[in-house]
Amino acid sequence: MPTDVLSFDYTAQKDGSPCAGEIYISWQTASRVASEMRHRLIDEILLLTIHGFLHILGYDHELSQKAQRLQAKHELDILKSIKLEHVIPLLTR
């Protein structure tokens, strides 16, 4: 499966930049996944943005099952805090 999101963490750099990192989303992959999963493209992009943001903050779901559960919890908490509960079922895909 093609990569849908890449994130680059710049927080370790001490150059005074206000940028914590960058997130790149493959529009084509996000569009295909949204279509296959029968949900809106904007919701897929939102999930990928949150996922990339958590990686920039240092969360890595690939380290262990515990890390995967913690990152999933944070994704859920973020969606709830910004009142986007309708997107929560998409986390279990």
N, C-alpha and C. Protein backbone atom coordinates (compact mmCIF):
# COMPACT_ATOMS: atom_id res chain seq x y z
N MET A 1 0.85 -1.18 0.00
CA MET A 1 0.00 0.00 0.00
C MET A 1 0.89 1.24 0.00
N PRO A 2 0.61 2.21 -0.85
CA PRO A 2 1.40 3.44 -0.88
C PRO A 2 1.30 4.21 0.43
N THR A 3 2.33 4.97 0.73
CA THR A 3 2.34 5.80 1.92
C THR A 3 1.29 6.89 1.79
N ASP A 4 0.51 7.07 2.84
CA ASP A 4 -0.53 8.10 2.81
C ASP A 4 -0.12 9.38 3.50
N VAL A 5 0.79 9.29 4.49
CA VAL A 5 1.23 10.49 5.21
C VAL A 5 2.68 10.34 5.65
N LEU A 6 3.42 11.42 5.51
CA LEU A 6 4.80 11.49 6.00
C LEU A 6 4.90 12.69 6.93
N SER A 7 5.62 12.53 8.01
CA SER A 7 5.83 13.68 8.91
C SER A 7 7.31 13.78 9.21
N PHE A 8 7.77 15.02 9.33
CA PHE A 8 9.16 15.31 9.62
C PHE A 8 9.23 16.17 10.86
N ASP A 9 9.91 15.66 11.87
CA ASP A 9 10.02 16.32 13.17
C ASP A 9 11.24 17.24 13.16
N TYR A 10 11.02 18.53 13.36
CA TYR A 10 12.10 19.50 13.41
C TYR A 10 12.37 19.98 14.83
N THR A 11 11.71 19.41 15.82
CA THR A 11 11.83 19.94 17.19
C THR A 11 13.24 19.78 17.75
N ALA A 12 14.02 18.84 17.25
CA ALA A 12 15.38 18.65 17.75
C ALA A 12 16.34 19.71 17.20
N GLN A 13 15.94 20.39 16.14
CA GLN A 13 16.80 21.43 15.57
C GLN A 13 16.76 22.68 16.45
N LYS A 14 17.88 23.26 16.65
CA LYS A 14 17.99 24.43 17.53
C LYS A 14 18.28 25.69 16.73
N ASP A 15 17.60 25.85 15.59
CA ASP A 15 17.86 27.00 14.73
C ASP A 15 16.91 28.17 14.99
N GLY A 16 16.07 28.05 16.01
CA GLY A 16 15.14 29.12 16.35
C GLY A 16 13.89 29.15 15.49
N SER A 17 13.73 28.16 14.64
CA SER A 17 12.55 28.12 13.76
C SER A 17 11.30 27.83 14.58
N PRO A 18 10.21 28.55 14.28
CA PRO A 18 8.95 28.28 14.99
C PRO A 18 8.24 27.03 14.45
N CYS A 19 8.79 26.41 13.43
CA CYS A 19 8.16 25.24 12.80
C CYS A 19 8.56 23.97 13.55
N ALA A 20 7.58 23.24 14.07
CA ALA A 20 7.85 21.99 14.79
C ALA A 20 8.08 20.83 13.83
N GLY A 21 7.57 20.96 12.62
CA GLY A 21 7.74 19.89 11.65
C GLY A 21 6.85 20.13 10.45
N GLU A 22 6.87 19.15 9.56
CA GLU A 22 6.04 19.22 8.36
C GLU A 22 5.29 17.91 8.19
N ILE A 23 4.10 18.03 7.62
CA ILE A 23 3.27 16.86 7.33
C ILE A 23 2.94 16.90 5.84
N TYR A 24 3.21 15.80 5.17
CA TYR A 24 2.87 15.66 3.76
C TYR A 24 1.85 14.54 3.61
N ILE A 25 0.77 14.85 2.94
CA ILE A 25 -0.31 13.88 2.73
C ILE A 25 -0.44 13.60 1.25
N SER A 26 -0.47 12.34 0.89
CA SER A 26 -0.70 11.96 -0.49
C SER A 26 -2.19 12.10 -0.78
N TRP A 27 -2.52 13.14 -1.52
CA TRP A 27 -3.92 13.39 -1.86
C TRP A 27 -4.51 12.21 -2.62
N GLN A 28 -3.73 11.63 -3.53
CA GLN A 28 -4.22 10.52 -4.34
C GLN A 28 -4.53 9.30 -3.47
N THR A 29 -3.63 8.99 -2.55
CA THR A 29 -3.85 7.83 -1.67
C THR A 29 -5.01 8.10 -0.72
N ALA A 30 -5.06 9.29 -0.14
CA ALA A 30 -6.17 9.64 0.76
C ALA A 30 -7.51 9.56 0.02
N SER A 31 -7.54 10.03 -1.21
CA SER A 31 -8.77 10.00 -2.00
C SER A 31 -9.20 8.57 -2.28
N ARG A 32 -8.24 7.71 -2.63
CA ARG A 32 -8.56 6.31 -2.90
C ARG A 32 -9.07 5.61 -1.65
N VAL A 33 -8.39 5.82 -0.51
CA VAL A 33 -8.81 5.19 0.75
C VAL A 33 -10.20 5.67 1.15
N ALA A 34 -10.43 6.98 1.04
CA ALA A 34 -11.76 7.51 1.40
C ALA A 34 -12.83 6.89 0.53
N SER A 35 -12.56 6.75 -0.73
CA SER A 35 -13.53 6.14 -1.65
C SER A 35 -13.77 4.67 -1.29
N GLU A 36 -12.69 3.93 -1.06
CA GLU A 36 -12.81 2.51 -0.71
C GLU A 36 -13.54 2.30 0.60
N MET A 37 -13.27 3.19 1.57
CA MET A 37 -13.87 3.05 2.90
C MET A 37 -15.22 3.76 3.00
N ARG A 38 -15.61 4.42 1.92
CA ARG A 38 -16.91 5.09 1.83
C ARG A 38 -17.09 6.19 2.88
N HIS A 39 -16.07 7.03 2.96
CA HIS A 39 -16.21 8.22 3.80
C HIS A 39 -15.63 9.43 3.06
N ARG A 40 -15.82 10.59 3.65
CA ARG A 40 -15.44 11.83 2.98
C ARG A 40 -13.93 12.01 2.95
N LEU A 41 -13.44 12.57 1.85
CA LEU A 41 -12.01 12.84 1.70
C LEU A 41 -11.52 13.77 2.81
N ILE A 42 -12.28 14.78 3.15
CA ILE A 42 -11.87 15.72 4.19
C ILE A 42 -11.67 15.01 5.54
N ASP A 43 -12.49 14.00 5.82
CA ASP A 43 -12.33 13.24 7.07
C ASP A 43 -11.06 12.40 7.03
N GLU A 44 -10.74 11.82 5.88
CA GLU A 44 -9.50 11.05 5.73
C GLU A 44 -8.29 11.97 5.92
N ILE A 45 -8.34 13.14 5.31
CA ILE A 45 -7.23 14.09 5.44
C ILE A 45 -7.09 14.55 6.89
N LEU A 46 -8.20 14.76 7.56
CA LEU A 46 -8.16 15.13 8.97
C LEU A 46 -7.47 14.05 9.81
N LEU A 47 -7.84 12.80 9.60
CA LEU A 47 -7.21 11.70 10.34
C LEU A 47 -5.71 11.63 10.06
N LEU A 48 -5.34 11.79 8.81
CA LEU A 48 -3.92 11.73 8.45
C LEU A 48 -3.15 12.91 9.05
N THR A 49 -3.77 14.06 9.11
CA THR A 49 -3.12 15.23 9.71
C THR A 49 -2.88 15.01 11.20
N ILE A 50 -3.89 14.51 11.89
CA ILE A 50 -3.75 14.22 13.32
C ILE A 50 -2.67 13.16 13.53
N HIS A 51 -2.68 12.13 12.71
CA HIS A 51 -1.70 11.05 12.80
C HIS A 51 -0.28 11.61 12.62
N GLY A 52 -0.09 12.42 11.59
CA GLY A 52 1.22 13.02 11.34
C GLY A 52 1.64 13.95 12.46
N PHE A 53 0.71 14.72 12.98
CA PHE A 53 0.99 15.64 14.08
C PHE A 53 1.48 14.89 15.31
N LEU A 54 0.85 13.77 15.62
CA LEU A 54 1.29 12.97 16.77
C LEU A 54 2.69 12.41 16.56
N HIS A 55 3.01 12.06 15.32
CA HIS A 55 4.38 11.61 15.04
C HIS A 55 5.38 12.73 15.30
N ILE A 56 5.04 13.95 14.90
CA ILE A 56 5.92 15.09 15.15
C ILE A 56 6.12 15.29 16.65
N LEU A 57 5.08 15.02 17.43
CA LEU A 57 5.19 15.16 18.88
C LEU A 57 5.94 13.99 19.53
N GLY A 58 6.32 13.00 18.74
CA GLY A 58 7.13 11.90 19.26
C GLY A 58 6.42 10.58 19.45
N TYR A 59 5.15 10.51 19.12
CA TYR A 59 4.43 9.24 19.25
C TYR A 59 4.70 8.38 18.03
N ASP A 60 4.99 7.11 18.27
CA ASP A 60 5.28 6.19 17.17
C ASP A 60 4.59 4.86 17.41
N HIS A 61 3.51 4.66 16.71
CA HIS A 61 2.69 3.45 16.87
C HIS A 61 3.42 2.19 16.44
N GLU A 62 4.53 2.32 15.74
CA GLU A 62 5.24 1.15 15.25
C GLU A 62 6.22 0.57 16.27
N LEU A 63 6.40 1.24 17.40
CA LEU A 63 7.35 0.77 18.41
C LEU A 63 6.86 -0.45 19.17
N SER A 64 5.58 -0.44 19.53
CA SER A 64 5.02 -1.54 20.32
C SER A 64 3.50 -1.45 20.31
N GLN A 65 2.86 -2.49 20.83
CA GLN A 65 1.40 -2.45 20.94
C GLN A 65 0.97 -1.38 21.93
N LYS A 66 1.76 -1.19 22.99
CA LYS A 66 1.44 -0.16 23.97
C LYS A 66 1.50 1.22 23.31
N ALA A 67 2.54 1.46 22.51
CA ALA A 67 2.67 2.74 21.80
C ALA A 67 1.53 2.92 20.81
N GLN A 68 1.11 1.84 20.18
CA GLN A 68 -0.01 1.90 19.23
C GLN A 68 -1.30 2.28 19.96
N ARG A 69 -1.54 1.69 21.12
CA ARG A 69 -2.74 2.02 21.90
C ARG A 69 -2.70 3.47 22.38
N LEU A 70 -1.54 3.94 22.81
CA LEU A 70 -1.40 5.31 23.29
C LEU A 70 -1.66 6.31 22.16
N GLN A 71 -1.09 6.05 20.99
CA GLN A 71 -1.32 6.96 19.87
C GLN A 71 -2.80 6.96 19.47
N ALA A 72 -3.43 5.79 19.46
CA ALA A 72 -4.85 5.71 19.13
C ALA A 72 -5.69 6.48 20.15
N LYS A 73 -5.31 6.40 21.42
CA LYS A 73 -6.03 7.14 22.47
C LYS A 73 -5.92 8.64 22.22
N HIS A 74 -4.73 9.10 21.87
CA HIS A 74 -4.54 10.52 21.61
C HIS A 74 -5.32 10.97 20.37
N GLU A 75 -5.36 10.13 19.35
CA GLU A 75 -6.16 10.47 18.16
C GLU A 75 -7.62 10.63 18.54
N LEU A 76 -8.12 9.72 19.35
CA LEU A 76 -9.50 9.78 19.83
C LEU A 76 -9.74 11.04 20.66
N ASP A 77 -8.83 11.33 21.58
CA ASP A 77 -8.96 12.52 22.42
C ASP A 77 -8.98 13.80 21.60
N ILE A 78 -8.13 13.87 20.59
CA ILE A 78 -8.09 15.06 19.73
C ILE A 78 -9.41 15.22 19.00
N LEU A 79 -9.92 14.15 18.41
CA LEU A 79 -11.19 14.23 17.69
C LEU A 79 -12.32 14.68 18.61
N LYS A 80 -12.34 14.16 19.83
CA LYS A 80 -13.38 14.58 20.78
C LYS A 80 -13.22 16.04 21.16
N SER A 81 -11.98 16.48 21.37
CA SER A 81 -11.76 17.85 21.83
C SER A 81 -12.11 18.89 20.77
N ILE A 82 -12.05 18.52 19.50
CA ILE A 82 -12.42 19.47 18.45
C ILE A 82 -13.80 19.18 17.88
N LYS A 83 -14.57 18.40 18.66
CA LYS A 83 -15.99 18.14 18.35
C LYS A 83 -16.19 17.46 16.99
N LEU A 84 -15.34 16.47 16.69
CA LEU A 84 -15.48 15.73 15.44
C LEU A 84 -15.70 14.24 15.73
N GLU A 85 -16.63 13.98 16.60
CA GLU A 85 -16.93 12.61 17.00
C GLU A 85 -17.38 11.74 15.83
N HIS A 86 -17.95 12.36 14.79
CA HIS A 86 -18.43 11.58 13.64
C HIS A 86 -17.27 10.89 12.91
N VAL A 87 -16.05 11.33 13.15
CA VAL A 87 -14.89 10.74 12.49
C VAL A 87 -14.34 9.56 13.30
N ILE A 88 -14.70 9.45 14.55
CA ILE A 88 -14.14 8.42 15.44
C ILE A 88 -14.29 7.00 14.88
N PRO A 89 -15.42 6.62 14.30
CA PRO A 89 -15.51 5.25 13.76
C PRO A 89 -14.47 4.94 12.68
N LEU A 90 -13.92 5.94 12.05
CA LEU A 90 -12.92 5.73 11.01
C LEU A 90 -11.59 5.30 11.59
N LEU A 91 -11.37 5.49 12.89
CA LEU A 91 -10.11 5.10 13.53
C LEU A 91 -9.92 3.59 13.56
N THR A 92 -10.98 2.84 13.48
CA THR A 92 -10.89 1.39 13.63
C THR A 92 -10.71 0.68 12.30
N ARG A 93 -10.40 1.37 11.26
CA ARG A 93 -10.28 0.76 9.95
C ARG A 93 -9.09 -0.11 9.78
